[in-house]
Amino acid sequence: MLFRSILEGCFGALTSNTGAALADLTFDTSGTRTPLSPRHVAQARALLGDQGDKLSAVCIHSKTYYDLVERRAIDYVSAAEARITAASSNAANPGAFAGSVAGAFAADVTVPFYMGLRVIVSDDVTVSGNDQAAYFFAPGAVATGEQQGLNTETDRDILAKSDAMAVDWHNLYHPMGTRYKVATGGVNPTRTTLATATNWELVFELKNIGVVRGTVDPNF
């Protein structure tokens, strides 16, 4: 995943991130690591100082997730709770009270939360041996840039009596507050180039970045 390479470049290696643009927004990168715990969430918030309460989601590997499941540390929000009825919210207008989550789930599903953070499970997070990354995000911390808009081309094979259509769209996710250094990385970088810490620099005040990375070691 391309965004993983970008995060690896911004934060540096899981076990050694010296010189990385966001090295000061990481924890447990050396020494003895432990399974994800409430202490890690507090650490992530503390690294952002008075902006720490803005963290709203955590992206973790499936092994870390099922480690939390085994410890019964995951809270689940059901579809009914997400919609927030007048009875559950004690509000005269539950739709307005609920905001954008009012109709987010059409079926009877549940959404996992950990320590108040929405849990995103992905095996694409950085892994090094038993060590795994846990990324904490604040709203608006990641933006998407468009290199080339939707481009459609059509062709017809008159002998085969068939039509063909090709569609291209080039976009990229980017952590707000960081900048890729073209002078060192060059244009049209590969994933390896994007994952190189020396090709990234910090341009925002650190606590306004909105992304924190922890290195954890699940029991699984």
Protein backbone atom coordinates (compact mmCIF):
# COMPACT_ATOMS: atom_id res chain seq x y z
CA MET A 1 0.00 0.00 0.00
CA LEU A 2 1.44 3.33 -1.09
CA PHE A 3 0.23 5.26 1.95
CA ARG A 4 2.05 2.78 4.20
CA SER A 5 5.32 3.63 2.44
CA ILE A 6 4.66 7.33 3.00
CA LEU A 7 3.99 6.78 6.70
CA GLU A 8 7.16 4.70 6.97
CA GLY A 9 9.11 7.54 5.42
CA CYS A 10 7.60 10.19 7.70
CA PHE A 11 7.98 8.17 10.92
CA GLY A 12 11.09 6.11 10.15
CA ALA A 13 11.69 2.45 10.93
CA LEU A 14 9.69 0.72 13.67
CA THR A 15 12.77 0.01 15.74
CA SER A 16 14.94 3.02 14.88
CA ASN A 17 13.54 6.32 13.64
CA THR A 18 16.43 8.72 14.25
CA GLY A 19 16.19 11.72 11.95
CA ALA A 20 12.67 11.01 10.66
CA ALA A 21 10.38 14.01 10.18
CA LEU A 22 7.83 12.69 12.70
CA ALA A 23 10.26 10.88 15.01
CA ASP A 24 8.98 12.90 17.99
CA LEU A 25 5.46 11.57 17.41
CA THR A 26 6.41 7.93 18.02
CA PHE A 27 6.75 5.78 21.12
CA ASP A 28 8.11 2.35 22.05
CA THR A 29 10.49 2.32 19.09
CA SER A 30 13.23 0.73 21.14
CA GLY A 31 13.57 -1.51 24.16
CA THR A 32 10.87 -3.85 25.46
CA ARG A 33 7.52 -3.46 23.69
CA THR A 34 4.17 -4.60 25.05
CA PRO A 35 0.67 -5.32 23.68
CA LEU A 36 -1.51 -2.30 22.95
CA SER A 37 -2.92 -0.93 26.22
CA PRO A 38 -4.68 2.16 27.63
CA ARG A 39 -1.23 3.49 28.49
CA HIS A 40 -0.36 3.58 24.79
CA VAL A 41 -3.47 5.61 24.02
CA ALA A 42 -2.52 8.06 26.76
CA GLN A 43 1.01 8.23 25.37
CA ALA A 44 -0.29 8.99 21.89
CA ARG A 45 -2.50 11.78 23.21
CA ALA A 46 0.29 13.18 25.38
CA LEU A 47 2.62 13.50 22.38
CA LEU A 48 0.13 15.94 20.84
CA GLY A 49 -0.16 17.96 24.03
CA ASP A 50 -3.33 20.05 24.22
CA GLN A 51 -4.36 18.64 20.82
CA GLY A 52 -4.29 15.04 22.07
CA ASP A 53 -8.04 14.75 22.58
CA LYS A 54 -8.52 15.20 18.84
CA LEU A 55 -7.32 11.64 18.17
CA SER A 56 -10.39 9.71 17.09
CA ALA A 57 -9.21 6.54 15.33
CA VAL A 58 -6.51 3.89 15.59
CA CYS A 59 -5.33 1.65 12.76
CA ILE A 60 -3.89 -1.68 13.92
CA HIS A 61 -2.86 -5.09 12.57
CA SER A 62 -5.38 -7.92 12.86
CA LYS A 63 -3.14 -9.69 15.41
CA THR A 64 -3.20 -6.62 17.62
CA TYR A 65 -6.96 -6.38 17.16
CA TYR A 66 -7.66 -10.00 18.11
CA ASP A 67 -5.30 -9.63 21.04
CA LEU A 68 -7.62 -6.87 22.27
CA VAL A 69 -10.65 -9.05 21.50
CA GLU A 70 -9.20 -11.87 23.60
CA ARG A 71 -8.70 -9.44 26.47
CA ARG A 72 -12.28 -8.21 26.00
CA ALA A 73 -10.97 -4.68 25.59
CA ILE A 74 -13.02 -3.83 22.48
CA ASP A 75 -16.32 -1.97 22.76
CA TYR A 76 -18.85 -2.41 19.98
CA VAL A 77 -21.32 0.24 18.85
CA SER A 78 -24.39 -1.24 17.17
CA ALA A 79 -26.33 0.18 14.25
CA ALA A 80 -29.16 1.26 16.54
CA GLU A 81 -26.76 3.04 18.87
CA ALA A 82 -25.01 4.74 15.97
CA ARG A 83 -28.30 6.12 14.70
CA ILE A 84 -29.12 7.45 18.19
CA THR A 85 -32.88 7.42 18.59
CA ALA A 86 -34.80 9.99 20.58
CA ALA A 87 -35.09 7.51 23.45
CA SER A 88 -31.36 6.73 23.62
CA SER A 89 -30.15 10.29 23.12
CA ASN A 90 -32.86 12.01 25.14
CA ALA A 91 -32.96 14.61 22.38
CA ALA A 92 -35.99 16.16 20.73
CA ASN A 93 -34.33 15.88 17.31
CA PRO A 94 -32.14 12.74 17.31
CA GLY A 95 -31.15 13.16 13.66
CA ALA A 96 -29.57 16.54 14.32
CA PHE A 97 -28.10 15.29 17.58
CA ALA A 98 -26.48 12.29 15.91
CA GLY A 99 -24.94 14.23 13.05
CA SER A 100 -23.25 12.29 10.27
CA VAL A 101 -23.54 8.92 12.04
CA ALA A 102 -27.35 9.05 12.01
CA GLY A 103 -27.72 6.86 8.93
CA ALA A 104 -24.23 5.49 8.54
CA PHE A 105 -25.16 1.82 8.93
CA ALA A 106 -27.98 0.21 6.97
CA ALA A 107 -27.70 -3.30 8.42
CA ASP A 108 -27.51 -4.67 11.94
CA VAL A 109 -23.73 -4.35 12.26
CA THR A 110 -21.33 -3.31 14.99
CA VAL A 111 -18.37 -0.95 14.88
CA PRO A 112 -15.33 -1.64 17.11
CA PHE A 113 -13.96 1.02 19.45
CA TYR A 114 -10.97 0.96 21.80
CA MET A 115 -10.57 3.57 24.53
CA GLY A 116 -12.98 5.81 22.64
CA LEU A 117 -11.10 5.42 19.34
CA ARG A 118 -12.68 4.00 16.20
CA VAL A 119 -10.71 0.84 15.34
CA ILE A 120 -9.51 0.28 11.77
CA VAL A 121 -8.08 -3.20 11.18
CA SER A 122 -5.55 -3.62 8.37
CA ASP A 123 -2.78 -6.13 7.78
CA ASP A 124 -1.10 -3.48 5.62
CA VAL A 125 0.32 -1.67 8.66
CA THR A 126 4.08 -1.85 9.07
CA VAL A 127 5.34 -5.09 10.61
CA SER A 128 8.90 -6.00 11.62
CA GLY A 129 9.19 -9.44 13.19
CA ASN A 130 6.85 -9.46 16.20
CA ASP A 131 6.67 -5.65 16.23
CA GLN A 132 3.67 -3.95 14.68
CA ALA A 133 2.71 -0.34 14.08
CA ALA A 134 -0.36 1.25 15.64
CA TYR A 135 -1.34 4.52 13.94
CA PHE A 136 -3.48 7.05 15.78
CA PHE A 137 -5.35 9.62 13.67
CA ALA A 138 -7.16 12.89 14.26
CA PRO A 139 -9.88 14.07 11.85
CA GLY A 140 -8.37 15.81 8.82
CA ALA A 141 -4.86 14.47 9.49
CA VAL A 142 -4.72 12.79 6.08
CA ALA A 143 -5.57 14.53 2.82
CA THR A 144 -5.87 13.21 -0.70
CA GLY A 145 -4.15 14.92 -3.61
CA GLU A 146 -5.08 14.51 -7.24
CA GLN A 147 -2.22 14.25 -9.72
CA GLN A 148 -4.48 13.65 -12.68
CA GLY A 149 -8.26 13.81 -12.82
CA LEU A 150 -10.55 11.17 -14.25
CA ASN A 151 -9.41 10.46 -17.81
CA THR A 152 -11.51 8.26 -20.08
CA GLU A 153 -10.45 6.88 -23.46
CA THR A 154 -12.51 4.75 -25.81
CA ASP A 155 -11.70 2.64 -28.87
CA ARG A 156 -13.57 0.35 -31.23
CA ASP A 157 -12.38 -2.80 -32.99
CA ILE A 158 -14.53 -2.81 -36.10
CA LEU A 159 -13.47 -6.32 -37.11
CA ALA A 160 -14.38 -7.80 -33.73
CA LYS A 161 -17.42 -5.55 -33.43
CA SER A 162 -16.38 -4.63 -29.90
CA ASP A 163 -15.82 -1.47 -27.90
CA ALA A 164 -13.14 -0.85 -25.27
CA MET A 165 -12.87 1.83 -22.62
CA ALA A 166 -9.94 2.68 -20.32
CA VAL A 167 -10.24 4.89 -17.25
CA ASP A 168 -7.31 6.48 -15.38
CA TRP A 169 -7.34 8.36 -12.09
CA HIS A 170 -4.17 9.28 -10.22
CA ASN A 171 -4.46 10.34 -6.60
CA LEU A 172 -2.45 10.01 -3.41
CA TYR A 173 -3.02 10.14 0.36
CA HIS A 174 -0.73 12.43 2.31
CA PRO A 175 -0.18 13.19 6.03
CA MET A 176 -0.90 16.89 6.49
CA GLY A 177 2.04 18.88 7.80
CA THR A 178 4.77 16.90 6.03
CA ARG A 179 6.50 17.50 2.73
CA TYR A 180 8.23 15.18 0.30
CA LYS A 181 11.67 16.53 -0.65
CA VAL A 182 11.97 16.32 -4.42
CA ALA A 183 15.58 17.54 -4.19
CA THR A 184 16.64 14.30 -2.49
CA GLY A 185 13.96 11.83 -3.59
CA GLY A 186 13.38 12.98 -7.14
CA VAL A 187 10.16 13.04 -9.14
CA ASN A 188 7.94 9.98 -9.66
CA PRO A 189 9.31 8.21 -6.55
CA THR A 190 9.09 4.47 -6.01
CA ARG A 191 7.64 2.98 -2.83
CA THR A 192 11.16 2.45 -1.52
CA THR A 193 11.95 6.12 -2.10
CA LEU A 194 8.76 7.19 -0.33
CA ALA A 195 9.65 4.95 2.62
CA THR A 196 13.06 6.63 3.03
CA ALA A 197 13.06 8.93 6.07
CA THR A 198 15.56 11.43 4.61
CA ASN A 199 13.09 12.27 1.82
CA TRP A 200 10.54 13.83 4.19
CA GLU A 201 10.45 16.96 6.31
CA LEU A 202 8.15 18.59 8.85
CA VAL A 203 6.39 21.82 7.83
CA PHE A 204 3.68 22.14 10.55
CA GLU A 205 4.09 22.67 14.26
CA LEU A 206 4.51 19.14 15.61
CA LYS A 207 1.34 18.90 17.70
CA ASN A 208 -0.76 20.02 14.73
CA ILE A 209 0.19 16.99 12.65
CA GLY A 210 -2.63 14.75 13.89
CA VAL A 211 -0.91 11.38 13.38
CA VAL A 212 0.98 9.40 16.02
CA ARG A 213 2.66 6.00 15.64
CA GLY A 214 3.27 3.46 18.34
CA THR A 215 5.20 0.19 18.12
CA VAL A 216 3.44 -2.67 19.90
CA ASP A 217 4.02 -6.39 20.34
CA PRO A 218 0.75 -8.37 20.57
CA ASN A 219 0.42 -11.69 22.35
CA PHE A 220 -0.55 -13.43 19.11
